[in-house]
């Protein structure tokens, strides 16, 4: 460093630039290779329906074991949330939780990601090799998402790792012992995949030791209201919009099939919280976020229908022998209103 203030200032800005560059370097970002946190706990999985209570009970029981778990269910039902919750309930909660989508990468890349490789084992390989996710998850949990999409050729390799509790890197001769808890998940029917020769039978039984089925949202409609309120509160805080939902909106949400399950519901609530400017979210607002929103009748049409229904009810009470005073008291209207309504509708029938 040069003497005097000039050298001191230059050294300061040089150090500042180096710090900025190190923060921007690609190697500083968190990736599955460097580990992944399990953020979710069982309390984060919303639902008090009998089906969800049973699922959570199984999760607590299974978390206390070291056996392999297979979580099944449609997309958007919260399979990875459940896997993270089980990890955080287990004795491995202080170890790494690493997840990989077995259907999102090519067969060759998935093999090297899972099992690692030695230096020079293939073109483009690092000179000093690289550990696989099985090694990186040692002492913790490895979550194999979409296991039903794993290439058939790799399934035999995975089966051997599960049997021997050791892994061999690509290009290596020695094996490395591992201590990893496996949780797998799929939205496919693995038994049918076995029959169609797309999935190994022996691997299926290695994975399906403990089973958890994540129910569809339409199978637990009683959880929709609490899910909506919880999600809306979350997005209200995130976007600074104090929204509330009418009961008619909650009732309508409970009638929808929700093919995308909780993920679709969460996306819908987030869009509502962004596009609706009024504090109260009403049925007409759903036209902003749903492809087939409910048809809300015109107010005048509703009023006419209501009056017609009221007149029919008045006539029924008359036929039942009720007096005008009794009918007025039951409907909470005056006797003159009843006379007026009967006269009006009688004139229409005579025309």
Protein backbone atom coordinates (compact mmCIF):
# COMPACT_ATOMS: atom_id res chain seq x y z
CA UNK A 1 0.00 0.00 0.00
CA UNK A 2 1.34 3.40 -0.97
CA UNK A 3 2.06 5.82 1.85
CA UNK A 4 -0.28 8.73 2.47
CA UNK A 5 -4.03 9.19 2.12
CA UNK A 6 -4.11 8.42 -1.61
CA UNK A 7 -2.85 4.87 -1.09
CA UNK A 8 -5.21 4.34 1.83
CA UNK A 9 -8.25 5.40 -0.22
CA UNK A 10 -7.20 3.19 -3.17
CA UNK A 11 -6.74 0.22 -0.84
CA UNK A 12 -10.17 0.80 0.69
CA UNK A 13 -11.96 0.85 -2.67
CA UNK A 14 -9.99 -2.17 -3.87
CA UNK A 15 -11.14 -4.15 -0.81
CA UNK A 16 -14.73 -2.96 -1.34
CA UNK A 17 -14.63 -4.08 -4.98
CA UNK A 18 -13.24 -7.49 -4.01
CA UNK A 19 -16.02 -7.95 -1.46
CA UNK A 20 -18.66 -7.05 -4.08
CA UNK A 21 -17.16 -9.47 -6.60
CA UNK A 22 -17.07 -12.30 -4.05
CA UNK A 23 -20.73 -11.76 -3.25
CA UNK A 24 -21.62 -11.82 -6.92
CA UNK A 25 -19.59 -14.95 -7.66
CA UNK A 26 -21.67 -17.94 -8.77
CA UNK A 27 -20.01 -20.19 -6.22
CA UNK A 28 -21.52 -18.13 -3.40
CA UNK A 29 -25.14 -19.03 -4.21
CA UNK A 30 -26.87 -21.75 -2.25
CA UNK A 31 -27.55 -24.85 -4.33
CA UNK A 32 -28.67 -28.41 -3.69
CA UNK A 33 -24.99 -29.36 -3.89
CA UNK A 34 -24.09 -27.23 -0.87
CA UNK A 35 -27.12 -28.31 1.15
CA UNK A 36 -30.69 -27.37 1.67
CA UNK A 37 -32.65 -26.39 4.74
CA UNK A 38 -35.88 -28.07 5.77
CA UNK A 39 -37.99 -24.98 6.43
CA UNK A 40 -41.40 -26.55 7.02
CA UNK A 41 -42.74 -28.12 10.19
CA UNK A 42 -45.87 -30.17 10.74
CA UNK A 43 -47.76 -27.12 12.05
CA UNK A 44 -47.17 -25.41 8.70
CA UNK A 45 -49.29 -28.05 6.95
CA UNK A 46 -52.77 -26.59 7.37
CA UNK A 47 -55.76 -28.83 7.89
CA UNK A 48 -57.84 -30.27 10.70
CA UNK A 49 -60.03 -32.63 8.66
CA UNK A 50 -60.05 -36.30 9.70
CA UNK A 51 -57.89 -37.20 6.68
CA UNK A 52 -55.23 -34.63 7.55
CA UNK A 53 -55.27 -35.57 11.22
CA UNK A 54 -54.53 -39.15 10.22
CA UNK A 55 -51.71 -38.05 7.88
CA UNK A 56 -50.09 -35.96 10.61
CA UNK A 57 -50.41 -38.83 13.08
CA UNK A 58 -48.58 -41.13 10.66
CA UNK A 59 -45.90 -38.47 10.09
CA UNK A 60 -45.16 -38.26 13.82
CA UNK A 61 -44.93 -42.06 14.10
CA UNK A 62 -42.75 -42.46 11.00
CA UNK A 63 -40.43 -39.60 11.98
CA UNK A 64 -39.28 -41.58 15.00
CA UNK A 65 -37.99 -44.40 12.77
CA UNK A 66 -35.12 -44.73 10.31
CA UNK A 67 -37.15 -46.56 7.65
CA UNK A 68 -37.62 -45.33 4.09
CA UNK A 69 -40.83 -43.39 3.45
CA UNK A 70 -42.80 -43.12 0.21
CA UNK A 71 -45.15 -40.13 -0.03
CA UNK A 72 -47.80 -40.29 -2.77
CA UNK A 73 -50.37 -37.80 -3.97
CA UNK A 74 -51.23 -35.47 -6.81
CA UNK A 75 -49.16 -32.44 -7.69
CA UNK A 76 -49.74 -29.54 -5.32
CA UNK A 77 -50.80 -31.59 -2.29
CA UNK A 78 -47.68 -30.72 -0.27
CA UNK A 79 -45.48 -33.81 -0.56
CA UNK A 80 -42.19 -31.94 -0.13
CA UNK A 81 -43.61 -29.94 2.78
CA UNK A 82 -44.43 -33.25 4.45
CA UNK A 83 -40.93 -34.59 3.76
CA UNK A 84 -39.37 -31.51 5.35
CA UNK A 85 -41.73 -31.74 8.33
CA UNK A 86 -40.79 -35.39 8.90
CA UNK A 87 -37.09 -34.50 8.74
CA UNK A 88 -37.57 -31.74 11.32
CA UNK A 89 -39.44 -34.15 13.58
CA UNK A 90 -36.75 -36.82 13.34
CA UNK A 91 -33.48 -37.32 15.18
CA UNK A 92 -31.76 -36.17 11.96
CA UNK A 93 -33.20 -32.65 12.22
CA UNK A 94 -29.74 -31.14 12.77
CA UNK A 95 -28.34 -32.91 9.71
CA UNK A 96 -28.71 -31.79 6.08
CA UNK A 97 -31.96 -32.05 4.15
CA UNK A 98 -31.24 -32.33 0.43
CA UNK A 99 -33.86 -32.61 -2.31
CA UNK A 100 -33.63 -33.47 -5.98
CA UNK A 101 -36.31 -33.83 -8.64
CA UNK A 102 -35.57 -37.12 -10.37
CA UNK A 103 -37.55 -36.15 -13.46
CA UNK A 104 -36.11 -32.67 -13.97
CA UNK A 105 -32.59 -33.60 -15.14
CA UNK A 106 -31.18 -35.91 -17.78
CA UNK A 107 -30.17 -39.47 -16.97
CA UNK A 108 -26.41 -38.82 -17.19
CA UNK A 109 -26.60 -35.69 -15.04
CA UNK A 110 -28.86 -37.37 -12.49
CA UNK A 111 -26.40 -40.23 -12.11
CA UNK A 112 -23.46 -37.94 -11.40
CA UNK A 113 -25.58 -35.74 -9.12
CA UNK A 114 -26.74 -38.65 -6.99
CA UNK A 115 -23.61 -40.78 -6.84
CA UNK A 116 -20.78 -38.34 -7.56
CA UNK A 117 -17.74 -39.00 -9.77
CA UNK A 118 -13.97 -39.22 -9.75
CA UNK A 119 -11.68 -36.85 -11.60
CA UNK A 120 -11.55 -37.47 -15.36
CA UNK A 121 -14.34 -40.08 -15.31
CA UNK A 122 -16.07 -38.34 -18.24
CA UNK A 123 -15.59 -35.34 -20.52
CA UNK A 124 -16.04 -32.13 -18.57
CA UNK A 125 -15.58 -33.76 -15.17
CA UNK A 126 -13.73 -31.84 -12.50
CA UNK A 127 -10.11 -32.81 -12.10
CA UNK A 128 -10.56 -33.58 -8.40
CA UNK A 129 -13.99 -35.22 -8.80
CA UNK A 130 -17.13 -34.36 -6.91
CA UNK A 131 -19.24 -35.89 -4.16
CA UNK A 132 -22.81 -36.91 -4.92
CA UNK A 133 -25.97 -35.99 -3.07
CA UNK A 134 -25.92 -39.25 -1.14
CA UNK A 135 -22.60 -38.23 0.38
CA UNK A 136 -23.71 -34.63 0.88
CA UNK A 137 -26.80 -35.82 2.78
CA UNK A 138 -24.77 -38.03 5.12
CA UNK A 139 -26.24 -37.86 8.62
CA UNK A 140 -29.44 -36.32 7.29
CA UNK A 141 -32.24 -36.89 4.80
CA UNK A 142 -32.23 -37.21 1.02
CA UNK A 143 -35.58 -36.40 -0.59
CA UNK A 144 -36.07 -38.05 -3.99
CA UNK A 145 -38.95 -36.13 -5.53
CA UNK A 146 -40.82 -37.54 -8.55
CA UNK A 147 -39.13 -40.91 -8.07
CA UNK A 148 -41.54 -42.39 -10.60
CA UNK A 149 -39.77 -40.42 -13.34
CA UNK A 150 -36.33 -41.85 -12.57
CA UNK A 151 -34.83 -43.51 -15.68
CA UNK A 152 -35.12 -47.30 -15.56
CA UNK A 153 -31.38 -47.83 -15.98
CA UNK A 154 -30.62 -45.80 -12.85
CA UNK A 155 -33.14 -47.63 -10.71
CA UNK A 156 -30.85 -50.64 -10.34
CA UNK A 157 -28.02 -48.38 -9.16
CA UNK A 158 -30.33 -46.75 -6.61
CA UNK A 159 -31.53 -50.16 -5.42
CA UNK A 160 -27.95 -51.24 -4.72
CA UNK A 161 -27.29 -48.11 -2.68
CA UNK A 162 -30.42 -48.72 -0.60
CA UNK A 163 -29.46 -52.35 -0.04
CA UNK A 164 -25.79 -51.85 0.82
CA UNK A 165 -25.97 -48.41 2.46
CA UNK A 166 -22.88 -47.40 0.53
CA UNK A 167 -22.25 -45.50 -2.67
CA UNK A 168 -19.64 -45.79 -5.42
CA UNK A 169 -18.74 -42.71 -7.38
CA UNK A 170 -18.68 -42.90 -11.17
CA UNK A 171 -15.25 -44.09 -12.27
CA UNK A 172 -14.28 -45.28 -8.78
CA UNK A 173 -13.52 -48.79 -7.48
CA UNK A 174 -13.97 -48.21 -3.76
CA UNK A 175 -17.31 -47.76 -1.99
CA UNK A 176 -18.15 -45.04 0.55
CA UNK A 177 -20.41 -45.91 3.51
CA UNK A 178 -23.35 -43.54 3.94
CA UNK A 179 -25.83 -42.86 6.73
CA UNK A 180 -28.82 -41.33 4.95
CA UNK A 181 -32.57 -41.48 5.52
CA UNK A 182 -34.47 -41.72 2.22
CA UNK A 183 -37.84 -40.09 1.66
CA UNK A 184 -39.26 -40.48 -1.85
CA UNK A 185 -42.35 -38.94 -3.40
CA UNK A 186 -44.35 -39.40 -6.57
CA UNK A 187 -47.62 -38.35 -8.15
CA UNK A 188 -47.67 -41.54 -10.24
CA UNK A 189 -49.18 -44.94 -9.54
CA UNK A 190 -45.98 -46.93 -9.01
CA UNK A 191 -47.79 -50.26 -8.87
CA UNK A 192 -49.17 -49.61 -12.34
CA UNK A 193 -45.71 -48.46 -13.48
CA UNK A 194 -44.34 -51.79 -12.25
CA UNK A 195 -46.93 -53.68 -14.30
CA UNK A 196 -46.02 -51.61 -17.36
CA UNK A 197 -42.30 -52.37 -16.76
CA UNK A 198 -41.45 -48.71 -16.19
CA UNK A 199 -40.48 -49.18 -12.56
CA UNK A 200 -38.61 -52.00 -10.85
CA UNK A 201 -40.68 -54.14 -8.50
CA UNK A 202 -37.78 -54.71 -6.09
CA UNK A 203 -37.07 -50.98 -5.91
CA UNK A 204 -40.75 -50.27 -5.26
CA UNK A 205 -40.76 -52.52 -2.22
CA UNK A 206 -37.48 -50.97 -1.00
CA UNK A 207 -39.09 -47.54 -1.14
CA UNK A 208 -42.62 -48.35 0.01
CA UNK A 209 -41.68 -49.41 3.54
CA UNK A 210 -43.74 -46.68 5.20
CA UNK A 211 -46.50 -45.07 3.11
CA UNK A 212 -48.12 -41.66 3.39
CA UNK A 213 -50.88 -40.55 1.03
CA UNK A 214 -51.40 -36.79 0.78
CA UNK A 215 -55.16 -36.28 0.22
CA UNK A 216 -56.52 -34.11 -2.57
CA UNK A 217 -58.00 -30.76 -1.61
CA UNK A 218 -61.41 -31.85 -2.92
CA UNK A 219 -61.25 -34.82 -0.55
CA UNK A 220 -61.01 -32.49 2.46
CA UNK A 221 -63.27 -29.58 1.58
CA UNK A 222 -63.71 -28.75 5.26
CA UNK A 223 -60.10 -27.50 5.23
CA UNK A 224 -60.67 -25.02 2.39
CA UNK A 225 -61.95 -22.18 4.58
CA UNK A 226 -59.05 -22.28 7.06
CA UNK A 227 -56.59 -22.63 4.18
CA UNK A 228 -58.05 -19.58 2.43
CA UNK A 229 -57.99 -17.45 5.58
CA UNK A 230 -54.43 -18.45 6.42
CA UNK A 231 -53.18 -17.83 2.89
CA UNK A 232 -55.00 -14.50 2.66
CA UNK A 233 -53.45 -13.32 5.92
CA UNK A 234 -50.02 -14.31 4.62
CA UNK A 235 -50.45 -12.38 1.37
CA UNK A 236 -52.02 -9.41 3.17
CA UNK A 237 -48.82 -9.10 5.19
CA UNK A 238 -46.64 -9.68 2.13
CA UNK A 239 -48.34 -7.08 -0.09
CA UNK A 240 -49.67 -4.71 2.57
CA UNK A 241 -53.32 -5.11 1.53
CA UNK A 242 -55.89 -5.61 4.35
CA UNK A 243 -58.27 -7.89 2.43
CA UNK A 244 -61.15 -9.92 3.77
CA UNK A 245 -63.38 -12.54 2.13
CA UNK A 246 -67.13 -12.75 2.13
CA UNK A 247 -68.80 -15.95 3.23
CA UNK A 248 -70.26 -16.39 -0.26
CA UNK A 249 -66.71 -16.52 -1.67
CA UNK A 250 -65.64 -19.11 0.91
CA UNK A 251 -68.73 -21.18 0.15
CA UNK A 252 -68.02 -21.01 -3.58
CA UNK A 253 -64.38 -22.03 -3.10
CA UNK A 254 -65.56 -25.15 -1.28
CA UNK A 255 -67.53 -26.24 -4.36
CA UNK A 256 -64.57 -26.08 -6.78
CA UNK A 257 -62.61 -29.25 -7.73
CA UNK A 258 -59.15 -27.59 -7.40
CA UNK A 259 -57.22 -29.93 -9.76
CA UNK A 260 -53.99 -28.17 -8.74
CA UNK A 261 -54.82 -28.71 -5.07
CA UNK A 262 -53.35 -26.40 -2.40
CA UNK A 263 -50.82 -24.91 -4.83
CA UNK A 264 -53.63 -23.78 -7.15
CA UNK A 265 -55.61 -22.39 -4.23
CA UNK A 266 -52.56 -20.45 -2.99
CA UNK A 267 -51.96 -19.00 -6.47
CA UNK A 268 -55.60 -17.93 -6.68
CA UNK A 269 -55.52 -16.17 -3.30
CA UNK A 270 -52.25 -14.43 -4.17
CA UNK A 271 -53.71 -13.09 -7.43
CA UNK A 272 -56.82 -11.88 -5.61
CA UNK A 273 -54.74 -10.09 -3.00
CA UNK A 274 -52.91 -8.24 -5.78
CA UNK A 275 -55.68 -7.29 -8.21
CA UNK A 276 -58.59 -6.48 -5.86
CA UNK A 277 -58.42 -2.90 -4.60
CA UNK A 278 -61.42 -2.95 -2.27
CA UNK A 279 -61.02 -4.35 1.21
CA UNK A 280 -63.82 -6.89 0.75
CA UNK A 281 -63.29 -9.61 -1.88
CA UNK A 282 -66.64 -10.52 -3.44
CA UNK A 283 -67.87 -13.08 -5.96
CA UNK A 284 -67.63 -10.70 -8.96
CA UNK A 285 -63.91 -10.22 -8.15
CA UNK A 286 -63.28 -13.90 -8.97
CA UNK A 287 -63.61 -13.02 -12.66
CA UNK A 288 -60.07 -11.61 -12.36
CA UNK A 289 -58.50 -14.88 -11.28
CA UNK A 290 -60.67 -17.83 -12.34
CA UNK A 291 -61.18 -19.09 -15.92
CA UNK A 292 -64.85 -19.89 -15.18
CA UNK A 293 -65.98 -17.48 -12.46
CA UNK A 294 -69.42 -17.77 -10.88
CA UNK A 295 -72.27 -16.01 -12.67
CA UNK A 296 -73.62 -13.40 -10.26
CA UNK A 297 -77.20 -12.40 -11.20
CA UNK A 298 -78.12 -8.76 -11.62
CA UNK A 299 -79.36 -7.18 -8.37
CA UNK A 300 -82.75 -6.30 -9.90
CA UNK A 301 -83.16 -9.89 -11.07
CA UNK A 302 -82.34 -11.16 -7.57
CA UNK A 303 -84.85 -8.76 -6.04
CA UNK A 304 -87.61 -9.86 -8.45
CA UNK A 305 -86.90 -13.51 -7.71
CA UNK A 306 -86.95 -12.81 -3.98
CA UNK A 307 -90.32 -11.05 -4.23
CA UNK A 308 -91.77 -13.92 -6.24
CA UNK A 309 -90.50 -16.44 -3.69
CA UNK A 310 -91.94 -14.32 -0.86
CA UNK A 311 -95.35 -14.16 -2.57
CA UNK A 312 -95.39 -17.94 -3.10
CA UNK A 313 -94.54 -18.42 0.56
CA UNK A 314 -97.33 -16.04 1.60
CA UNK A 315 -99.84 -17.99 -0.48
CA UNK A 316 -98.67 -21.25 1.08
CA UNK A 317 -99.16 -19.82 4.57
CA UNK A 318 -102.63 -18.66 3.58
CA UNK A 319 -103.50 -22.14 2.43
CA UNK A 320 -102.18 -23.51 5.72
CA UNK A 321 -104.79 -21.38 7.50
CA UNK A 322 -102.48 -18.64 8.81
CA UNK A 323 -103.97 -15.18 9.35
CA UNK A 324 -102.53 -11.99 7.87
CA UNK A 325 -101.23 -10.99 11.31
CA UNK A 326 -99.49 -14.36 11.76
CA UNK A 327 -97.88 -14.14 8.30
CA UNK A 328 -96.74 -10.55 8.86
CA UNK A 329 -95.19 -11.51 12.18
CA UNK A 330 -93.37 -14.55 10.70
CA UNK A 331 -91.95 -12.61 7.73
CA UNK A 332 -91.23 -9.44 9.71
CA UNK A 333 -93.26 -7.18 7.40
CA UNK A 334 -96.43 -5.12 7.80
CA UNK A 335 -99.93 -6.38 7.07
CA UNK A 336 -100.37 -3.65 4.45
CA UNK A 337 -97.31 -5.00 2.57
CA UNK A 338 -98.89 -8.44 2.47
CA UNK A 339 -102.17 -7.05 1.14
CA UNK A 340 -100.27 -5.01 -1.46
CA UNK A 341 -98.20 -8.00 -2.64
CA UNK A 342 -101.23 -10.27 -2.93
CA UNK A 343 -103.17 -7.62 -4.84
CA UNK A 344 -100.24 -6.97 -7.21
CA UNK A 345 -99.64 -10.61 -8.08
CA UNK A 346 -103.39 -11.30 -8.34
CA UNK A 347 -103.72 -8.54 -10.91
CA UNK A 348 -100.83 -10.04 -12.93
CA UNK A 349 -102.49 -13.46 -12.96
CA UNK A 350 -105.78 -11.93 -14.17
CA UNK A 351 -104.10 -10.11 -17.07
